[in-house]
N, C-alpha and C. Protein backbone atom coordinates (compact mmCIF):
# COMPACT_ATOMS: atom_id res chain seq x y z
N MET A 1 -21.09 13.81 -4.36
CA MET A 1 -20.79 12.42 -4.64
C MET A 1 -21.09 11.61 -3.38
N ARG A 2 -21.97 10.66 -3.47
CA ARG A 2 -22.38 9.88 -2.31
C ARG A 2 -21.23 9.10 -1.71
N LEU A 3 -20.35 8.59 -2.55
CA LEU A 3 -19.22 7.79 -2.09
C LEU A 3 -18.34 8.60 -1.13
N ALA A 4 -18.25 9.90 -1.34
CA ALA A 4 -17.40 10.73 -0.49
C ALA A 4 -17.99 10.87 0.91
N ARG A 5 -19.29 10.77 1.06
CA ARG A 5 -19.92 10.93 2.37
C ARG A 5 -20.00 9.63 3.15
N ASP A 6 -20.14 8.52 2.45
CA ASP A 6 -20.30 7.23 3.11
C ASP A 6 -19.03 6.42 2.97
N ASP A 7 -18.90 5.43 3.83
CA ASP A 7 -17.80 4.49 3.67
C ASP A 7 -18.04 3.69 2.40
N PRO A 8 -16.99 3.46 1.60
CA PRO A 8 -17.20 2.63 0.42
C PRO A 8 -17.65 1.24 0.84
N PRO A 9 -18.53 0.62 0.08
CA PRO A 9 -19.03 -0.70 0.46
C PRO A 9 -17.94 -1.75 0.41
N LYS A 10 -18.03 -2.72 1.28
CA LYS A 10 -17.08 -3.83 1.28
C LYS A 10 -17.45 -4.75 0.12
N PRO A 11 -16.48 -5.19 -0.67
CA PRO A 11 -16.80 -6.04 -1.81
C PRO A 11 -17.60 -7.28 -1.44
N MET A 12 -17.30 -7.91 -0.30
CA MET A 12 -17.98 -9.15 0.04
C MET A 12 -19.44 -8.93 0.38
N ARG A 13 -19.82 -7.72 0.79
CA ARG A 13 -21.24 -7.44 1.06
C ARG A 13 -22.06 -7.54 -0.22
N HIS A 14 -21.40 -7.37 -1.34
CA HIS A 14 -22.08 -7.41 -2.63
C HIS A 14 -21.78 -8.71 -3.37
N ILE A 15 -21.30 -9.69 -2.65
CA ILE A 15 -20.98 -11.02 -3.19
C ILE A 15 -20.00 -10.92 -4.35
N TRP A 16 -18.97 -10.13 -4.16
CA TRP A 16 -17.89 -10.04 -5.13
C TRP A 16 -16.82 -11.04 -4.73
N PRO A 17 -16.14 -11.66 -5.68
CA PRO A 17 -15.12 -12.67 -5.35
C PRO A 17 -13.74 -12.09 -5.04
N PHE A 18 -13.67 -10.91 -4.46
CA PHE A 18 -12.38 -10.30 -4.12
C PHE A 18 -12.52 -9.50 -2.85
N ASP A 19 -11.38 -9.15 -2.24
CA ASP A 19 -11.37 -8.41 -0.97
C ASP A 19 -10.98 -6.95 -1.12
N VAL A 20 -10.43 -6.56 -2.27
CA VAL A 20 -9.86 -5.24 -2.44
C VAL A 20 -10.48 -4.57 -3.67
N TRP A 21 -10.83 -3.30 -3.52
CA TRP A 21 -11.33 -2.54 -4.66
C TRP A 21 -10.17 -2.06 -5.51
N THR A 22 -10.32 -2.13 -6.82
CA THR A 22 -9.41 -1.47 -7.76
C THR A 22 -10.25 -0.44 -8.49
N SER A 23 -9.60 0.47 -9.21
CA SER A 23 -10.39 1.47 -9.94
C SER A 23 -11.26 0.80 -11.00
N GLY A 24 -10.76 -0.27 -11.61
CA GLY A 24 -11.56 -0.99 -12.60
C GLY A 24 -12.79 -1.64 -11.98
N ARG A 25 -12.59 -2.29 -10.85
CA ARG A 25 -13.72 -2.93 -10.17
C ARG A 25 -14.73 -1.90 -9.67
N LEU A 26 -14.22 -0.79 -9.15
CA LEU A 26 -15.12 0.25 -8.67
C LEU A 26 -15.89 0.86 -9.84
N SER A 27 -15.24 1.01 -10.97
CA SER A 27 -15.91 1.52 -12.16
C SER A 27 -17.07 0.62 -12.57
N VAL A 28 -16.84 -0.69 -12.59
CA VAL A 28 -17.89 -1.65 -12.93
C VAL A 28 -19.01 -1.60 -11.90
N PHE A 29 -18.65 -1.57 -10.62
CA PHE A 29 -19.64 -1.53 -9.55
C PHE A 29 -20.53 -0.29 -9.69
N LEU A 30 -19.91 0.87 -9.90
CA LEU A 30 -20.68 2.11 -10.02
C LEU A 30 -21.61 2.07 -11.23
N TYR A 31 -21.12 1.48 -12.32
CA TYR A 31 -21.96 1.34 -13.51
C TYR A 31 -23.17 0.45 -13.21
N GLN A 32 -22.94 -0.65 -12.52
CA GLN A 32 -24.04 -1.56 -12.20
C GLN A 32 -25.04 -0.92 -11.24
N GLN A 33 -24.55 -0.06 -10.35
CA GLN A 33 -25.44 0.56 -9.36
C GLN A 33 -26.17 1.79 -9.92
N THR A 34 -25.50 2.54 -10.81
CA THR A 34 -26.06 3.81 -11.24
C THR A 34 -26.37 3.88 -12.73
N GLY A 35 -25.77 2.99 -13.51
CA GLY A 35 -25.94 3.06 -14.96
C GLY A 35 -25.03 4.08 -15.62
N VAL A 36 -24.17 4.72 -14.84
CA VAL A 36 -23.24 5.73 -15.36
C VAL A 36 -21.86 5.10 -15.49
N ARG A 37 -21.29 5.20 -16.69
CA ARG A 37 -19.95 4.66 -16.90
C ARG A 37 -18.90 5.73 -16.60
N ILE A 38 -17.93 5.37 -15.79
CA ILE A 38 -16.79 6.25 -15.49
C ILE A 38 -15.54 5.42 -15.73
N ALA A 39 -14.70 5.89 -16.61
CA ALA A 39 -13.46 5.16 -16.93
C ALA A 39 -12.60 5.06 -15.67
N PRO A 40 -11.91 3.93 -15.48
CA PRO A 40 -11.07 3.76 -14.28
C PRO A 40 -10.06 4.89 -14.07
N GLY A 41 -9.44 5.36 -15.13
CA GLY A 41 -8.47 6.46 -14.99
C GLY A 41 -9.13 7.74 -14.53
N TRP A 42 -10.29 8.06 -15.08
CA TRP A 42 -11.01 9.26 -14.67
C TRP A 42 -11.53 9.10 -13.24
N LEU A 43 -11.94 7.90 -12.89
CA LEU A 43 -12.39 7.62 -11.53
C LEU A 43 -11.28 7.89 -10.52
N ARG A 44 -10.04 7.51 -10.87
CA ARG A 44 -8.89 7.79 -9.98
C ARG A 44 -8.70 9.29 -9.81
N VAL A 45 -8.87 10.06 -10.90
CA VAL A 45 -8.74 11.52 -10.82
C VAL A 45 -9.82 12.09 -9.90
N LEU A 46 -11.06 11.64 -10.09
CA LEU A 46 -12.15 12.13 -9.25
C LEU A 46 -11.95 11.79 -7.78
N LEU A 47 -11.49 10.57 -7.51
CA LEU A 47 -11.24 10.17 -6.12
C LEU A 47 -10.11 10.99 -5.50
N GLN A 48 -9.08 11.26 -6.30
CA GLN A 48 -7.96 12.06 -5.80
C GLN A 48 -8.43 13.47 -5.46
N ARG A 49 -9.30 14.02 -6.28
CA ARG A 49 -9.84 15.36 -6.01
C ARG A 49 -10.64 15.40 -4.71
N GLN A 50 -11.22 14.26 -4.34
CA GLN A 50 -11.98 14.17 -3.10
C GLN A 50 -11.08 13.75 -1.93
N ARG A 51 -9.77 13.72 -2.18
CA ARG A 51 -8.75 13.38 -1.17
C ARG A 51 -8.79 11.92 -0.73
N PHE A 52 -9.29 11.04 -1.59
CA PHE A 52 -9.17 9.61 -1.32
C PHE A 52 -7.75 9.21 -1.65
N VAL A 53 -7.19 8.31 -0.90
CA VAL A 53 -5.86 7.80 -1.16
C VAL A 53 -5.94 6.29 -1.34
N TRP A 54 -4.97 5.75 -2.04
CA TRP A 54 -4.95 4.33 -2.28
C TRP A 54 -3.52 3.87 -2.42
N GLY A 55 -3.35 2.60 -2.38
CA GLY A 55 -2.03 2.01 -2.52
C GLY A 55 -1.94 0.74 -1.71
N ARG A 56 -0.89 0.03 -1.93
CA ARG A 56 -0.69 -1.21 -1.19
C ARG A 56 -0.14 -0.89 0.20
N PRO A 57 -0.56 -1.62 1.20
CA PRO A 57 0.00 -1.40 2.53
C PRO A 57 1.46 -1.81 2.57
N LYS A 58 2.23 -1.13 3.36
CA LYS A 58 3.65 -1.45 3.52
C LYS A 58 3.82 -2.23 4.82
N HIS A 59 4.19 -3.47 4.66
CA HIS A 59 4.38 -4.33 5.82
C HIS A 59 5.87 -4.32 6.19
N THR A 60 6.19 -3.81 7.33
CA THR A 60 7.57 -3.79 7.79
C THR A 60 7.64 -4.38 9.19
N LEU A 61 8.86 -4.62 9.62
CA LEU A 61 9.09 -5.11 10.97
C LEU A 61 9.75 -4.05 11.84
N GLU A 62 9.79 -2.82 11.35
CA GLU A 62 10.48 -1.75 12.08
C GLU A 62 9.95 -1.58 13.50
N HIS A 63 8.67 -1.73 13.69
CA HIS A 63 8.09 -1.53 15.02
C HIS A 63 8.50 -2.64 15.99
N LEU A 64 9.07 -3.73 15.48
CA LEU A 64 9.50 -4.83 16.33
C LEU A 64 11.00 -4.81 16.60
N GLN A 65 11.73 -3.91 15.95
CA GLN A 65 13.18 -3.89 16.05
C GLN A 65 13.65 -2.91 17.12
N ASP A 66 14.74 -3.28 17.76
CA ASP A 66 15.38 -2.41 18.76
C ASP A 66 16.32 -1.47 18.00
N PRO A 67 16.09 -0.16 18.05
CA PRO A 67 16.92 0.78 17.30
C PRO A 67 18.42 0.67 17.62
N ALA A 68 18.77 0.39 18.88
CA ALA A 68 20.18 0.27 19.25
C ALA A 68 20.81 -0.95 18.57
N GLU A 69 20.10 -2.06 18.53
CA GLU A 69 20.63 -3.26 17.88
C GLU A 69 20.74 -3.05 16.37
N VAL A 70 19.77 -2.38 15.79
CA VAL A 70 19.82 -2.09 14.35
C VAL A 70 21.05 -1.24 14.03
N ALA A 71 21.29 -0.22 14.85
CA ALA A 71 22.46 0.65 14.64
C ALA A 71 23.76 -0.14 14.81
N ALA A 72 23.82 -1.03 15.80
CA ALA A 72 25.03 -1.84 16.02
C ALA A 72 25.28 -2.76 14.83
N CYS A 73 24.23 -3.37 14.31
CA CYS A 73 24.39 -4.25 13.15
C CYS A 73 24.83 -3.46 11.92
N ALA A 74 24.25 -2.28 11.73
CA ALA A 74 24.62 -1.44 10.59
C ALA A 74 26.09 -1.05 10.67
N GLU A 75 26.55 -0.71 11.87
CA GLU A 75 27.96 -0.36 12.05
C GLU A 75 28.86 -1.57 11.78
N ALA A 76 28.46 -2.75 12.27
CA ALA A 76 29.25 -3.96 12.03
C ALA A 76 29.31 -4.28 10.54
N LEU A 77 28.21 -4.11 9.84
CA LEU A 77 28.21 -4.34 8.40
C LEU A 77 29.07 -3.32 7.67
N ARG A 78 29.01 -2.06 8.13
CA ARG A 78 29.84 -1.02 7.52
C ARG A 78 31.32 -1.36 7.68
N ARG A 79 31.71 -1.76 8.91
CA ARG A 79 33.11 -2.09 9.16
C ARG A 79 33.55 -3.31 8.36
N ALA A 80 32.67 -4.27 8.23
CA ALA A 80 33.01 -5.50 7.49
C ALA A 80 33.19 -5.21 6.01
N GLY A 81 32.53 -4.20 5.51
CA GLY A 81 32.61 -3.91 4.09
C GLY A 81 33.67 -2.91 3.71
N GLU A 82 34.42 -2.38 4.68
CA GLU A 82 35.46 -1.39 4.38
C GLU A 82 36.57 -2.01 3.56
N LYS A 83 37.19 -1.18 2.71
CA LYS A 83 38.32 -1.66 1.91
C LYS A 83 39.47 -2.02 2.84
N GLY A 84 40.19 -3.04 2.49
CA GLY A 84 41.34 -3.44 3.26
C GLY A 84 40.96 -4.10 4.58
N ALA A 85 39.76 -4.62 4.64
CA ALA A 85 39.31 -5.24 5.88
C ALA A 85 40.08 -6.54 6.13
N GLY A 86 40.77 -7.00 5.11
CA GLY A 86 41.59 -8.21 5.30
C GLY A 86 40.75 -9.46 5.20
N ALA A 87 41.20 -10.47 5.89
CA ALA A 87 40.53 -11.77 5.83
C ALA A 87 39.17 -11.69 6.51
N ALA A 88 38.36 -12.65 6.18
CA ALA A 88 37.03 -12.71 6.79
C ALA A 88 37.20 -12.94 8.29
N ARG A 89 36.36 -12.32 9.07
CA ARG A 89 36.43 -12.49 10.52
C ARG A 89 35.04 -12.60 11.09
N VAL A 90 34.96 -13.12 12.26
CA VAL A 90 33.68 -13.27 12.93
C VAL A 90 33.26 -11.93 13.48
N LEU A 91 31.99 -11.60 13.29
CA LEU A 91 31.48 -10.31 13.79
C LEU A 91 30.95 -10.47 15.17
């Protein structure tokens, strides 16, 4: 499979109006380039067999947080939520 050896083409290089490939879009692209139809679901199976991975990126702020401060806040929240904590108080 040529796709497994080369980097997949960037959609904008082919004047596509999107930035991200989906299995449906890749299926259409491959059909237009090769004349071979591959259903999007089967295409996902074939890509998985070639060890391609996909998914949405996970954007977090964990790399910007101080672990000690996070632990202190978690402890303060735990204490504030305990039963019998009484009246509201400033943390």
